[in-house]
Amino acid sequence: MNLVESNEQLTKQWIAAFNVHDVTALLALYHEQAAHFSPRLKLRNPSTNGWIKGKEALHHWWADSFQRLPSLQYELVNCIANEQQVFMEYQRTVDAEATTIIAEVLEIKEGKIICSRIVGN
């Protein structure tokens, strides 16, 4: 498997882990000091300016999200991968909220996500 195929596979693993709300499986895809940006993070905790770093912060963010939003699901719409990153679009659905399309970039190094950032929203 080449790097592009490996990065596409990582994306599928990411979506699968997210949809079963498996924080441990999600964290296994990330580097220890990975950074993550989300406009929703900025809204919930303005002091972060939308950024968190490290697996402990990622764990807290996702565990809280899954607890608050037990129906939260993502459906992969588009995935474009190269050897260093993946651009993906997914449909975000959660009860009592409008369905939205999210664009996210995963930067990957040595098989682990080193940075993920949601574009827009």
PDB file of N, CA and C in Angstrom:
ATOM      1  N   MET A   1       0.858  -1.180   0.000  1.00  0.00           N
ATOM      2  CA  MET A   1       0.000   0.000   0.000  1.00  0.00           C
ATOM      3  C   MET A   1       0.902   1.241   0.000  1.00  0.00           C
ATOM      4  N   ASN A   2       0.647   2.159  -0.935  1.00  0.00           N
ATOM      5  CA  ASN A   2       1.431   3.392  -0.974  1.00  0.00           C
ATOM      6  C   ASN A   2       0.871   4.417   0.020  1.00  0.00           C
ATOM      7  N   LEU A   3       1.553   5.547   0.163  1.00  0.00           N
ATOM      8  CA  LEU A   3       1.147   6.551   1.156  1.00  0.00           C
ATOM      9  C   LEU A   3      -0.240   7.132   0.890  1.00  0.00           C
ATOM     10  N   VAL A   4      -0.580   7.347  -0.365  1.00  0.00           N
ATOM     11  CA  VAL A   4      -1.902   7.892  -0.683  1.00  0.00           C
ATOM     12  C   VAL A   4      -2.984   6.909  -0.247  1.00  0.00           C
ATOM     13  N   GLU A   5      -2.808   5.639  -0.579  1.00  0.00           N
ATOM     14  CA  GLU A   5      -3.785   4.617  -0.171  1.00  0.00           C
ATOM     15  C   GLU A   5      -3.848   4.493   1.348  1.00  0.00           C
ATOM     16  N   SER A   6      -2.704   4.574   1.989  1.00  0.00           N
ATOM     17  CA  SER A   6      -2.648   4.511   3.451  1.00  0.00           C
ATOM     18  C   SER A   6      -3.401   5.680   4.082  1.00  0.00           C
ATOM     19  N   ASN A   7      -3.244   6.870   3.513  1.00  0.00           N
ATOM     20  CA  ASN A   7      -3.940   8.050   4.038  1.00  0.00           C
ATOM     21  C   ASN A   7      -5.447   7.969   3.784  1.00  0.00           C
ATOM     22  N   GLU A   8      -5.850   7.393   2.651  1.00  0.00           N
ATOM     23  CA  GLU A   8      -7.276   7.170   2.396  1.00  0.00           C
ATOM     24  C   GLU A   8      -7.846   6.177   3.405  1.00  0.00           C
ATOM     25  N   GLN A   9      -7.084   5.123   3.708  1.00  0.00           N
ATOM     26  CA  GLN A   9      -7.519   4.123   4.685  1.00  0.00           C
ATOM     27  C   GLN A   9      -7.642   4.749   6.075  1.00  0.00           C
ATOM     28  N   LEU A  10      -6.699   5.604   6.441  1.00  0.00           N
ATOM     29  CA  LEU A  10      -6.746   6.296   7.728  1.00  0.00           C
ATOM     30  C   LEU A  10      -8.022   7.125   7.833  1.00  0.00           C
ATOM     31  N   THR A  11      -8.408   7.771   6.745  1.00  0.00           N
ATOM     32  CA  THR A  11      -9.634   8.571   6.726  1.00  0.00           C
ATOM     33  C   THR A  11     -10.863   7.698   6.997  1.00  0.00           C
ATOM     34  N   LYS A  12     -10.908   6.544   6.381  1.00  0.00           N
ATOM     35  CA  LYS A  12     -12.027   5.621   6.605  1.00  0.00           C
ATOM     36  C   LYS A  12     -12.051   5.140   8.058  1.00  0.00           C
ATOM     37  N   GLN A  13     -10.880   4.891   8.626  1.00  0.00           N
ATOM     38  CA  GLN A  13     -10.795   4.489  10.036  1.00  0.00           C
ATOM     39  C   GLN A  13     -11.276   5.627  10.937  1.00  0.00           C
ATOM     40  N   TRP A  14     -10.927   6.851  10.576  1.00  0.00           N
ATOM     41  CA  TRP A  14     -11.324   8.033  11.350  1.00  0.00           C
ATOM     42  C   TRP A  14     -12.850   8.143  11.386  1.00  0.00           C
ATOM     43  N   ILE A  15     -13.476   8.057  10.199  1.00  0.00           N
ATOM     44  CA  ILE A  15     -14.944   8.140  10.114  1.00  0.00           C
ATOM     45  C   ILE A  15     -15.582   7.004  10.917  1.00  0.00           C
ATOM     46  N   ALA A  16     -15.081   5.782  10.762  1.00  0.00           N
ATOM     47  CA  ALA A  16     -15.653   4.629  11.461  1.00  0.00           C
ATOM     48  C   ALA A  16     -15.552   4.794  12.979  1.00  0.00           C
ATOM     49  N   ALA A  17     -14.393   5.206  13.475  1.00  0.00           N
ATOM     50  CA  ALA A  17     -14.205   5.403  14.921  1.00  0.00           C
ATOM     51  C   ALA A  17     -15.101   6.518  15.426  1.00  0.00           C
ATOM     52  N   PHE A  18     -15.218   7.570  14.644  1.00  0.00           N
ATOM     53  CA  PHE A  18     -16.062   8.687  15.053  1.00  0.00           C
ATOM     54  C   PHE A  18     -17.517   8.248  15.185  1.00  0.00           C
ATOM     55  N   ASN A  19     -17.989   7.480  14.221  1.00  0.00           N
ATOM     56  CA  ASN A  19     -19.404   7.116  14.205  1.00  0.00           C
ATOM     57  C   ASN A  19     -19.814   6.134  15.293  1.00  0.00           C
ATOM     58  N   VAL A  20     -18.848   5.422  15.867  1.00  0.00           N
ATOM     59  CA  VAL A  20     -19.173   4.564  17.018  1.00  0.00           C
ATOM     60  C   VAL A  20     -18.750   5.243  18.322  1.00  0.00           C
ATOM     61  N   HIS A  21     -18.318   6.506  18.194  1.00  0.00           N
ATOM     62  CA  HIS A  21     -17.924   7.331  19.342  1.00  0.00           C
ATOM     63  C   HIS A  21     -16.815   6.675  20.163  1.00  0.00           C
ATOM     64  N   ASP A  22     -15.837   6.091  19.454  1.00  0.00           N
ATOM     65  CA  ASP A  22     -14.715   5.396  20.088  1.00  0.00           C
ATOM     66  C   ASP A  22     -13.523   6.346  20.192  1.00  0.00           C
ATOM     67  N   VAL A  23     -13.432   7.042  21.315  1.00  0.00           N
ATOM     68  CA  VAL A  23     -12.374   8.030  21.513  1.00  0.00           C
ATOM     69  C   VAL A  23     -11.002   7.362  21.466  1.00  0.00           C
ATOM     70  N   THR A  24     -10.875   6.173  22.017  1.00  0.00           N
ATOM     71  CA  THR A  24      -9.589   5.465  22.022  1.00  0.00           C
ATOM     72  C   THR A  24      -9.124   5.178  20.598  1.00  0.00           C
ATOM     73  N   ALA A  25     -10.029   4.709  19.755  1.00  0.00           N
ATOM     74  CA  ALA A  25      -9.677   4.428  18.353  1.00  0.00           C
ATOM     75  C   ALA A  25      -9.316   5.713  17.612  1.00  0.00           C
ATOM     76  N   LEU A  26     -10.031   6.801  17.878  1.00  0.00           N
ATOM     77  CA  LEU A  26      -9.699   8.090  17.259  1.00  0.00           C
ATOM     78  C   LEU A  26      -8.293   8.532  17.668  1.00  0.00           C
ATOM     79  N   LEU A  27      -8.019   8.477  18.965  1.00  0.00           N
ATOM     80  CA  LEU A  27      -6.718   8.932  19.465  1.00  0.00           C
ATOM     81  C   LEU A  27      -5.571   8.105  18.907  1.00  0.00           C
ATOM     82  N   ALA A  28      -5.813   6.841  18.612  1.00  0.00           N
ATOM     83  CA  ALA A  28      -4.773   5.976  18.049  1.00  0.00           C
ATOM     84  C   ALA A  28      -4.313   6.459  16.671  1.00  0.00           C
ATOM     85  N   LEU A  29      -5.129   7.254  16.005  1.00  0.00           N
ATOM     86  CA  LEU A  29      -4.793   7.766  14.677  1.00  0.00           C
ATOM     87  C   LEU A  29      -3.956   9.044  14.737  1.00  0.00           C
ATOM     88  N   TYR A  30      -3.807   9.622  15.921  1.00  0.00           N
ATOM     89  CA  TYR A  30      -3.155  10.918  16.103  1.00  0.00           C
ATOM     90  C   TYR A  30      -1.788  10.801  16.750  1.00  0.00           C
ATOM     91  N   HIS A  31      -0.898  11.699  16.373  1.00  0.00           N
ATOM     92  CA  HIS A  31       0.399  11.860  17.019  1.00  0.00           C
ATOM     93  C   HIS A  31       0.173  12.394  18.434  1.00  0.00           C
ATOM     94  N   GLU A  32       1.065  12.105  19.343  1.00  0.00           N
ATOM     95  CA  GLU A  32       0.930  12.538  20.749  1.00  0.00           C
ATOM     96  C   GLU A  32       0.685  14.039  20.891  1.00  0.00           C
ATOM     97  N   GLN A  33       1.346  14.847  20.081  1.00  0.00           N
ATOM     98  CA  GLN A  33       1.239  16.305  20.188  1.00  0.00           C
ATOM     99  C   GLN A  33       0.421  16.916  19.056  1.00  0.00           C
ATOM    100  N   ALA A  34      -0.486  16.150  18.498  1.00  0.00           N
ATOM    101  CA  ALA A  34      -1.314  16.640  17.387  1.00  0.00           C
ATOM    102  C   ALA A  34      -2.112  17.872  17.801  1.00  0.00           C
ATOM    103  N   ALA A  35      -2.323  18.737  16.828  1.00  0.00           N
ATOM    104  CA  ALA A  35      -3.141  19.936  17.034  1.00  0.00           C
ATOM    105  C   ALA A  35      -4.445  19.775  16.260  1.00  0.00           C
ATOM    106  N   HIS A  36      -5.488  20.440  16.768  1.00  0.00           N
ATOM    107  CA  HIS A  36      -6.797  20.382  16.119  1.00  0.00           C
ATOM    108  C   HIS A  36      -7.442  21.762  16.190  1.00  0.00           C
ATOM    109  N   PHE A  37      -8.040  22.173  15.066  1.00  0.00           N
ATOM    110  CA  PHE A  37      -8.771  23.440  15.015  1.00  0.00           C
ATOM    111  C   PHE A  37     -10.216  23.171  14.629  1.00  0.00           C
ATOM    112  N   SER A  38     -11.137  23.826  15.360  1.00  0.00           N
ATOM    113  CA  SER A  38     -12.557  23.744  15.041  1.00  0.00           C
ATOM    114  C   SER A  38     -13.240  25.045  15.432  1.00  0.00           C
ATOM    115  N   PRO A  39     -14.031  25.621  14.524  1.00  0.00           N
ATOM    116  CA  PRO A  39     -14.813  26.804  14.896  1.00  0.00           C
ATOM    117  C   PRO A  39     -15.757  26.520  16.069  1.00  0.00           C
ATOM    118  N   ARG A  40     -16.265  25.301  16.176  1.00  0.00           N
ATOM    119  CA  ARG A  40     -17.143  24.946  17.298  1.00  0.00           C
ATOM    120  C   ARG A  40     -16.385  24.973  18.623  1.00  0.00           C
ATOM    121  N   LEU A  41     -15.125  24.592  18.572  1.00  0.00           N
ATOM    122  CA  LEU A  41     -14.273  24.653  19.755  1.00  0.00           C
ATOM    123  C   LEU A  41     -14.134  26.105  20.217  1.00  0.00           C
ATOM    124  N   LYS A  42     -13.940  26.971  19.253  1.00  0.00           N
ATOM    125  CA  LYS A  42     -13.804  28.400  19.563  1.00  0.00           C
ATOM    126  C   LYS A  42     -15.090  28.943  20.195  1.00  0.00           C
ATOM    127  N   LEU A  43     -16.240  28.504  19.722  1.00  0.00           N
ATOM    128  CA  LEU A  43     -17.514  28.944  20.287  1.00  0.00           C
ATOM    129  C   LEU A  43     -17.722  28.422  21.709  1.00  0.00           C
ATOM    130  N   ARG A  44     -17.390  27.149  21.926  1.00  0.00           N
ATOM    131  CA  ARG A  44     -17.600  26.538  23.251  1.00  0.00           C
ATOM    132  C   ARG A  44     -16.581  26.999  24.275  1.00  0.00           C
ATOM    133  N   ASN A  45     -15.365  27.276  23.812  1.00  0.00           N
ATOM    134  CA  ASN A  45     -14.303  27.688  24.722  1.00  0.00           C
ATOM    135  C   ASN A  45     -13.461  28.764  24.038  1.00  0.00           C
ATOM    136  N   PRO A  46     -13.908  30.019  24.065  1.00  0.00           N
ATOM    137  CA  PRO A  46     -13.237  31.097  23.334  1.00  0.00           C
ATOM    138  C   PRO A  46     -11.753  31.269  23.657  1.00  0.00           C
ATOM    139  N   SER A  47     -11.335  30.910  24.846  1.00  0.00           N
ATOM    140  CA  SER A  47      -9.924  31.083  25.214  1.00  0.00           C
ATOM    141  C   SER A  47      -8.982  30.226  24.363  1.00  0.00           C
ATOM    142  N   THR A  48      -9.502  29.172  23.731  1.00  0.00           N
ATOM    143  CA  THR A  48      -8.675  28.305  22.879  1.00  0.00           C
ATOM    144  C   THR A  48      -8.410  28.922  21.509  1.00  0.00           C
ATOM    145  N   ASN A  49      -9.217  29.927  21.147  1.00  0.00           N
ATOM    146  CA  ASN A  49      -9.194  30.492  19.800  1.00  0.00           C
ATOM    147  C   ASN A  49      -9.409  29.400  18.748  1.00  0.00           C
ATOM    148  N   GLY A  50     -10.060  28.302  19.175  1.00  0.00           N
ATOM    149  CA  GLY A  50     -10.382  27.222  18.248  1.00  0.00           C
ATOM    150  C   GLY A  50      -9.351  26.115  18.179  1.00  0.00           C
ATOM    151  N   TRP A  51      -8.217  26.258  18.861  1.00  0.00           N
ATOM    152  CA  TRP A  51      -7.122  25.284  18.782  1.00  0.00           C
ATOM    153  C   TRP A  51      -6.941  24.516  20.081  1.00  0.00           C
ATOM    154  N   ILE A  52      -6.714  23.216  19.957  1.00  0.00           N
ATOM    155  CA  ILE A  52      -6.255  22.409  21.079  1.00  0.00           C
ATOM    156  C   ILE A  52      -5.055  21.592  20.614  1.00  0.00           C
ATOM    157  N   LYS A  53      -4.245  21.128  21.574  1.00  0.00           N
ATOM    158  CA  LYS A  53      -3.044  20.374  21.217  1.00  0.00           C
ATOM    159  C   LYS A  53      -2.836  19.242  22.209  1.00  0.00           C
ATOM    160  N   GLY A  54      -2.483  18.089  21.664  1.00  0.00           N
ATOM    161  CA  GLY A  54      -2.171  16.925  22.475  1.00  0.00           C
ATOM    162  C   GLY A  54      -3.357  15.992  22.654  1.00  0.00           C
ATOM    163  N   LYS A  55      -3.035  14.718  22.881  1.00  0.00           N
ATOM    164  CA  LYS A  55      -4.077  13.701  22.979  1.00  0.00           C
ATOM    165  C   LYS A  55      -5.005  13.915  24.167  1.00  0.00           C
ATOM    166  N   GLU A  56      -4.499  14.454  25.269  1.00  0.00           N
ATOM    167  CA  GLU A  56      -5.374  14.683  26.421  1.00  0.00           C
ATOM    168  C   GLU A  56      -6.473  15.690  26.081  1.00  0.00           C
ATOM    169  N   ALA A  57      -6.099  16.769  25.397  1.00  0.00           N
ATOM    170  CA  ALA A  57      -7.081  17.781  24.992  1.00  0.00           C
ATOM    171  C   ALA A  57      -8.053  17.209  23.955  1.00  0.00           C
ATOM    172  N   LEU A  58      -7.535  16.425  23.028  1.00  0.00           N
ATOM    173  CA  LEU A  58      -8.406  15.787  22.034  1.00  0.00           C
ATOM    174  C   LEU A  58      -9.393  14.842  22.724  1.00  0.00           C
ATOM    175  N   HIS A  59      -8.908  14.069  23.664  1.00  0.00           N
ATOM    176  CA  HIS A  59      -9.773  13.144  24.401  1.00  0.00           C
ATOM    177  C   HIS A  59     -10.909  13.907  25.095  1.00  0.00           C
ATOM    178  N   HIS A  60     -10.558  14.956  25.776  1.00  0.00           N
ATOM    179  CA  HIS A  60     -11.563  15.747  26.491  1.00  0.00           C
ATOM    180  C   HIS A  60     -12.600  16.317  25.511  1.00  0.00           C
ATOM    181  N   TRP A  61     -12.151  16.864  24.394  1.00  0.00           N
ATOM    182  CA  TRP A  61     -13.048  17.478  23.405  1.00  0.00           C
ATOM    183  C   TRP A  61     -14.035  16.459  22.855  1.00  0.00           C
ATOM    184  N   TRP A  62     -13.515  15.303  22.402  1.00  0.00           N
ATOM    185  CA  TRP A  62     -14.403  14.311  21.800  1.00  0.00           C
ATOM    186  C   TRP A  62     -15.307  13.645  22.828  1.00  0.00           C
ATOM    187  N   ALA A  63     -14.782  13.312  23.994  1.00  0.00           N
ATOM    188  CA  ALA A  63     -15.616  12.690  25.025  1.00  0.00           C
ATOM    189  C   ALA A  63     -16.774  13.610  25.389  1.00  0.00           C
ATOM    190  N   ASP A  64     -16.484  14.892  25.530  1.00  0.00           N
ATOM    191  CA  ASP A  64     -17.533  15.865  25.826  1.00  0.00           C
ATOM    192  C   ASP A  64     -18.540  15.949  24.674  1.00  0.00           C
ATOM    193  N   SER A  65     -18.041  15.996  23.450  1.00  0.00           N
ATOM    194  CA  SER A  65     -18.929  16.078  22.280  1.00  0.00           C
ATOM    195  C   SER A  65     -19.847  14.869  22.197  1.00  0.00           C
ATOM    196  N   PHE A  66     -19.298  13.672  22.381  1.00  0.00           N
ATOM    197  CA  PHE A  66     -20.105  12.459  22.283  1.00  0.00           C
ATOM    198  C   PHE A  66     -21.127  12.377  23.417  1.00  0.00           C
ATOM    199  N   GLN A  67     -20.778  12.886  24.583  1.00  0.00           N
ATOM    200  CA  GLN A  67     -21.724  12.886  25.704  1.00  0.00           C
ATOM    201  C   GLN A  67     -22.862  13.868  25.448  1.00  0.00           C
ATOM    202  N   ARG A  68     -22.525  15.070  24.954  1.00  0.00           N
ATOM    203  CA  ARG A  68     -23.539  16.086  24.694  1.00  0.00           C
ATOM    204  C   ARG A  68     -24.409  15.750  23.493  1.00  0.00           C
ATOM    205  N   LEU A  69     -23.814  15.065  22.500  1.00  0.00           N
ATOM    206  CA  LEU A  69     -24.482  14.816  21.221  1.00  0.00           C
ATOM    207  C   LEU A  69     -24.468  13.322  20.891  1.00  0.00           C
ATOM    208  N   PRO A  70     -25.214  12.515  21.617  1.00  0.00           N
ATOM    209  CA  PRO A  70     -25.139  11.061  21.417  1.00  0.00           C
ATOM    210  C   PRO A  70     -25.571  10.586  20.026  1.00  0.00           C
ATOM    211  N   SER A  71     -26.307  11.391  19.292  1.00  0.00           N
ATOM    212  CA  SER A  71     -26.738  10.986  17.946  1.00  0.00           C
ATOM    213  C   SER A  71     -25.786  11.474  16.848  1.00  0.00           C
ATOM    214  N   LEU A  72     -24.695  12.137  17.198  1.00  0.00           N
ATOM    215  CA  LEU A  72     -23.763  12.719  16.231  1.00  0.00           C
ATOM    216  C   LEU A  72     -23.169  11.651  15.311  1.00  0.00           C
ATOM    217  N   GLN A  73     -23.281  11.881  13.995  1.00  0.00           N
ATOM    218  CA  GLN A  73     -22.757  10.961  12.983  1.00  0.00           C
ATOM    219  C   GLN A  73     -22.173  11.744  11.825  1.00  0.00           C
ATOM    220  N   TYR A  74     -21.165  11.163  11.191  1.00  0.00           N
ATOM    221  CA  TYR A  74     -20.558  11.731   9.989  1.00  0.00           C
ATOM    222  C   TYR A  74     -20.692  10.737   8.842  1.00  0.00           C
ATOM    223  N   GLU A  75     -21.007  11.252   7.666  1.00  0.00           N
ATOM    224  CA  GLU A  75     -21.023  10.432   6.456  1.00  0.00           C
ATOM    225  C   GLU A  75     -20.044  11.036   5.464  1.00  0.00           C
ATOM    226  N   LEU A  76     -19.032  10.267   5.095  1.00  0.00           N
ATOM    227  CA  LEU A  76     -18.016  10.753   4.170  1.00  0.00           C
ATOM    228  C   LEU A  76     -18.637  11.026   2.804  1.00  0.00           C
ATOM    229  N   VAL A  77     -18.411  12.234   2.288  1.00  0.00           N
ATOM    230  CA  VAL A  77     -18.947  12.650   1.000  1.00  0.00           C
ATOM    231  C   VAL A  77     -17.845  12.666  -0.054  1.00  0.00           C
ATOM    232  N   ASN A  78     -16.646  13.120   0.342  1.00  0.00           N
ATOM    233  CA  ASN A  78     -15.539  13.273  -0.592  1.00  0.00           C
ATOM    234  C   ASN A  78     -14.234  13.137   0.167  1.00  0.00           C
ATOM    235  N   CYS A  79     -13.248  12.535  -0.471  1.00  0.00           N
ATOM    236  CA  CYS A  79     -11.929  12.369   0.137  1.00  0.00           C
ATOM    237  C   CYS A  79     -10.874  12.525  -0.951  1.00  0.00           C
ATOM    238  N   ILE A  80      -9.983  13.476  -0.760  1.00  0.00           N
ATOM    239  CA  ILE A  80      -8.882  13.690  -1.693  1.00  0.00           C
ATOM    240  C   ILE A  80      -7.598  13.582  -0.882  1.00  0.00           C
ATOM    241  N   ALA A  81      -6.760  12.619  -1.231  1.00  0.00           N
ATOM    242  CA  ALA A  81      -5.552  12.360  -0.456  1.00  0.00           C
ATOM    243  C   ALA A  81      -4.304  12.508  -1.318  1.00  0.00           C
ATOM    244  N   ASN A  82      -3.233  12.963  -0.664  1.00  0.00           N
ATOM    245  CA  ASN A  82      -1.905  12.869  -1.265  1.00  0.00           C
ATOM    246  C   ASN A  82      -0.991  12.253  -0.210  1.00  0.00           C
ATOM    247  N   GLU A  83       0.306  12.352  -0.377  1.00  0.00           N
ATOM    248  CA  GLU A  83       1.225  11.684   0.540  1.00  0.00           C
ATOM    249  C   GLU A  83       1.339  12.361   1.902  1.00  0.00           C
ATOM    250  N   GLN A  84       0.923  13.634   2.017  1.00  0.00           N
ATOM    251  CA  GLN A  84       1.064  14.369   3.275  1.00  0.00           C
ATOM    252  C   GLN A  84      -0.255  14.732   3.949  1.00  0.00           C
ATOM    253  N   GLN A  85      -1.348  14.723   3.202  1.00  0.00           N
ATOM    254  CA  GLN A  85      -2.598  15.173   3.809  1.00  0.00           C
ATOM    255  C   GLN A  85      -3.813  14.610   3.094  1.00  0.00           C
ATOM    256  N   VAL A  86      -4.930  14.776   3.796  1.00  0.00           N
ATOM    257  CA  VAL A  86      -6.227  14.386   3.251  1.00  0.00           C
ATOM    258  C   VAL A  86      -7.160  15.580   3.396  1.00  0.00           C
ATOM    259  N   PHE A  87      -7.885  15.861   2.336  1.00  0.00           N
ATOM    260  CA  PHE A  87      -8.988  16.820   2.407  1.00  0.00           C
ATOM    261  C   PHE A  87     -10.252  15.978   2.337  1.00  0.00           C
ATOM    262  N   MET A  88     -11.122  16.131   3.324  1.00  0.00           N
ATOM    263  CA  MET A  88     -12.365  15.369   3.290  1.00  0.00           C
ATOM    264  C   MET A  88     -13.549  16.279   3.557  1.00  0.00           C
ATOM    265  N   GLU A  89     -14.653  15.903   2.952  1.00  0.00           N
ATOM    266  CA  GLU A  89     -15.939  16.535   3.222  1.00  0.00           C
ATOM    267  C   GLU A  89     -16.829  15.443   3.786  1.00  0.00           C
ATOM    268  N   TYR A  90     -17.555  15.799   4.837  1.00  0.00           N
ATOM    269  CA  TYR A  90     -18.489  14.848   5.407  1.00  0.00           C
ATOM    270  C   TYR A  90     -19.755  15.558   5.834  1.00  0.00           C
ATOM    271  N   GLN A  91     -20.828  14.798   5.821  1.00  0.00           N
ATOM    272  CA  GLN A  91     -22.124  15.317   6.252  1.00  0.00           C
ATOM    273  C   GLN A  91     -22.240  15.071   7.752  1.00  0.00           C
ATOM    274  N   ARG A  92     -22.518  16.127   8.501  1.00  0.00           N
ATOM    275  CA  ARG A  92     -22.674  16.046   9.961  1.00  0.00           C
ATOM    276  C   ARG A  92     -24.157  16.032  10.278  1.00  0.00           C
ATOM    277  N   THR A  93     -24.596  14.971  10.944  1.00  0.00           N
ATOM    278  CA  THR A  93     -25.987  14.904  11.371  1.00  0.00           C
ATOM    279  C   THR A  93     -26.039  14.680  12.873  1.00  0.00           C
ATOM    280  N   VAL A  94     -26.972  15.363  13.487  1.00  0.00           N
ATOM    281  CA  VAL A  94     -27.240  15.210  14.915  1.00  0.00           C
ATOM    282  C   VAL A  94     -28.700  15.591  15.134  1.00  0.00           C
ATOM    283  N   ASP A  95     -29.359  14.871  16.017  1.00  0.00           N
ATOM    284  CA  ASP A  95     -30.769  15.160  16.297  1.00  0.00           C
ATOM    285  C   ASP A  95     -30.950  16.627  16.694  1.00  0.00           C
ATOM    286  N   ALA A  96     -32.039  17.213  16.233  1.00  0.00           N
ATOM    287  CA  ALA A  96     -32.460  18.579  16.587  1.00  0.00           C
ATOM    288  C   ALA A  96     -31.538  19.675  16.045  1.00  0.00           C
ATOM    289  N   GLU A  97     -30.700  19.339  15.063  1.00  0.00           N
ATOM    290  CA  GLU A  97     -29.865  20.345  14.405  1.00  0.00           C
ATOM    291  C   GLU A  97     -29.947  20.139  12.899  1.00  0.00           C
ATOM    292  N   ALA A  98     -29.724  21.204  12.164  1.00  0.00           N
ATOM    293  CA  ALA A  98     -29.686  21.092  10.709  1.00  0.00           C
ATOM    294  C   ALA A  98     -28.465  20.281  10.281  1.00  0.00           C
ATOM    295  N   THR A  99     -28.639  19.453   9.274  1.00  0.00           N
ATOM    296  CA  THR A  99     -27.529  18.698   8.710  1.00  0.00           C
ATOM    297  C   THR A  99     -26.606  19.665   7.983  1.00  0.00           C
ATOM    298  N   THR A 100     -25.309  19.496   8.166  1.00  0.00           N
ATOM    299  CA  THR A 100     -24.335  20.383   7.526  1.00  0.00           C
ATOM    300  C   THR A 100     -23.237  19.566   6.851  1.00  0.00           C
ATOM    301  N   ILE A 101     -22.597  20.191   5.874  1.00  0.00           N
ATOM    302  CA  ILE A 101     -21.419  19.605   5.236  1.00  0.00           C
ATOM    303  C   ILE A 101     -20.192  20.282   5.849  1.00  0.00           C
ATOM    304  N   ILE A 102     -19.258  19.469   6.313  1.00  0.00           N
ATOM    305  CA  ILE A 102     -18.034  19.944   6.946  1.00  0.00           C
ATOM    306  C   ILE A 102     -16.857  19.600   6.039  1.00  0.00           C
ATOM    307  N   ALA A 103     -15.913  20.513   5.913  1.00  0.00           N
ATOM    308  CA  ALA A 103     -14.655  20.262   5.210  1.00  0.00           C
ATOM    309  C   ALA A 103     -13.543  20.246   6.249  1.00  0.00           C
ATOM    310  N   GLU A 104     -12.693  19.227   6.173  1.00  0.00           N
ATOM    311  CA  GLU A 104     -11.619  19.093   7.156  1.00  0.00           C
ATOM    312  C   GLU A 104     -10.354  18.606   6.462  1.00  0.00           C
ATOM    313  N   VAL A 105      -9.222  19.126   6.913  1.00  0.00           N
ATOM    314  CA  VAL A 105      -7.920  18.730   6.405  1.00  0.00           C
ATOM    315  C   VAL A 105      -7.195  17.973   7.507  1.00  0.00           C
ATOM    316  N   LEU A 106      -6.668  16.801   7.159  1.00  0.00           N
ATOM    317  CA  LEU A 106      -5.833  16.027   8.058  1.00  0.00           C
ATOM    318  C   LEU A 106      -4.412  16.055   7.521  1.00  0.00           C
ATOM    319  N   GLU A 107      -3.470  16.587   8.298  1.00  0.00           N
ATOM    320  CA  GLU A 107      -2.058  16.541   7.928  1.00  0.00           C
ATOM    321  C   GLU A 107      -1.469  15.291   8.565  1.00  0.00           C
ATOM    322  N   ILE A 108      -0.789  14.481   7.749  1.00  0.00           N
ATOM    323  CA  ILE A 108      -0.347  13.159   8.197  1.00  0.00           C
ATOM    324  C   ILE A 108       1.162  13.018   8.006  1.00  0.00           C
ATOM    325  N   LYS A 109       1.803  12.499   9.041  1.00  0.00           N
ATOM    326  CA  LYS A 109       3.242  12.247   8.991  1.00  0.00           C
ATOM    327  C   LYS A 109       3.507  10.906   9.654  1.00  0.00           C
ATOM    328  N   GLU A 110       4.203  10.039   8.934  1.00  0.00           N
ATOM    329  CA  GLU A 110       4.552   8.708   9.432  1.00  0.00           C
ATOM    330  C   GLU A 110       3.330   7.945   9.944  1.00  0.00           C
ATOM    331  N   GLY A 111       2.225   8.065   9.198  1.00  0.00           N
ATOM    332  CA  GLY A 111       1.026   7.301   9.488  1.00  0.00           C
ATOM    333  C   GLY A 111       0.153   7.832  10.607  1.00  0.00           C
ATOM    334  N   LYS A 112       0.479   8.992  11.157  1.00  0.00           N
ATOM    335  CA  LYS A 112      -0.307   9.587  12.249  1.00  0.00           C
ATOM    336  C   LYS A 112      -0.740  10.999  11.859  1.00  0.00           C
ATOM    337  N   ILE A 113      -1.902  11.398  12.327  1.00  0.00           N
ATOM    338  CA  ILE A 113      -2.393  12.760  12.094  1.00  0.00           C
ATOM    339  C   ILE A 113      -1.631  13.698  13.015  1.00  0.00           C
ATOM    340  N   ILE A 114      -1.000  14.710  12.427  1.00  0.00           N
ATOM    341  CA  ILE A 114      -0.263  15.675  13.243  1.00  0.00           C
ATOM    342  C   ILE A 114      -1.042  16.974  13.413  1.00  0.00           C
ATOM    343  N   CYS A 115      -1.977  17.202  12.511  1.00  0.00           N
ATOM    344  CA  CYS A 115      -2.833  18.382  12.617  1.00  0.00           C
ATOM    345  C   CYS A 115      -4.129  18.114  11.861  1.00  0.00           C
ATOM    346  N   SER A 116      -5.237  18.503  12.473  1.00  0.00           N
ATOM    347  CA  SER A 116      -6.525  18.435  11.797  1.00  0.00           C
ATOM    348  C   SER A 116      -7.191  19.789  11.970  1.00  0.00           C
ATOM    349  N   ARG A 117      -7.793  20.259  10.905  1.00  0.00           N
ATOM    350  CA  ARG A 117      -8.442  21.561  10.994  1.00  0.00           C
ATOM    351  C   ARG A 117      -9.687  21.577  10.114  1.00  0.00           C
ATOM    352  N   ILE A 118     -10.751  22.054  10.725  1.00  0.00           N
ATOM    353  CA  ILE A 118     -12.009  22.204  10.017  1.00  0.00           C
ATOM    354  C   ILE A 118     -11.970  23.553   9.302  1.00  0.00           C
ATOM    355  N   VAL A 119     -12.360  23.515   8.035  1.00  0.00           N
ATOM    356  CA  VAL A 119     -12.338  24.708   7.196  1.00  0.00           C
ATOM    357  C   VAL A 119     -13.755  25.263   7.142  1.00  0.00           C
ATOM    358  N   GLY A 120     -13.937  26.508   7.519  1.00  0.00           N
ATOM    359  CA  GLY A 120     -15.249  27.126   7.469  1.00  0.00           C
ATOM    360  C   GLY A 120     -16.076  26.828   8.710  1.00  0.00           C
ATOM    361  N   ASN A 121     -17.389  26.987   8.585  1.00  0.00           N
ATOM    362  CA  ASN A 121     -18.360  26.808   9.663  1.00  0.00           C
ATOM    363  C   ASN A 121     -18.204  27.897  10.685  1.00  0.00           C
TER     364      ASN A 121
END
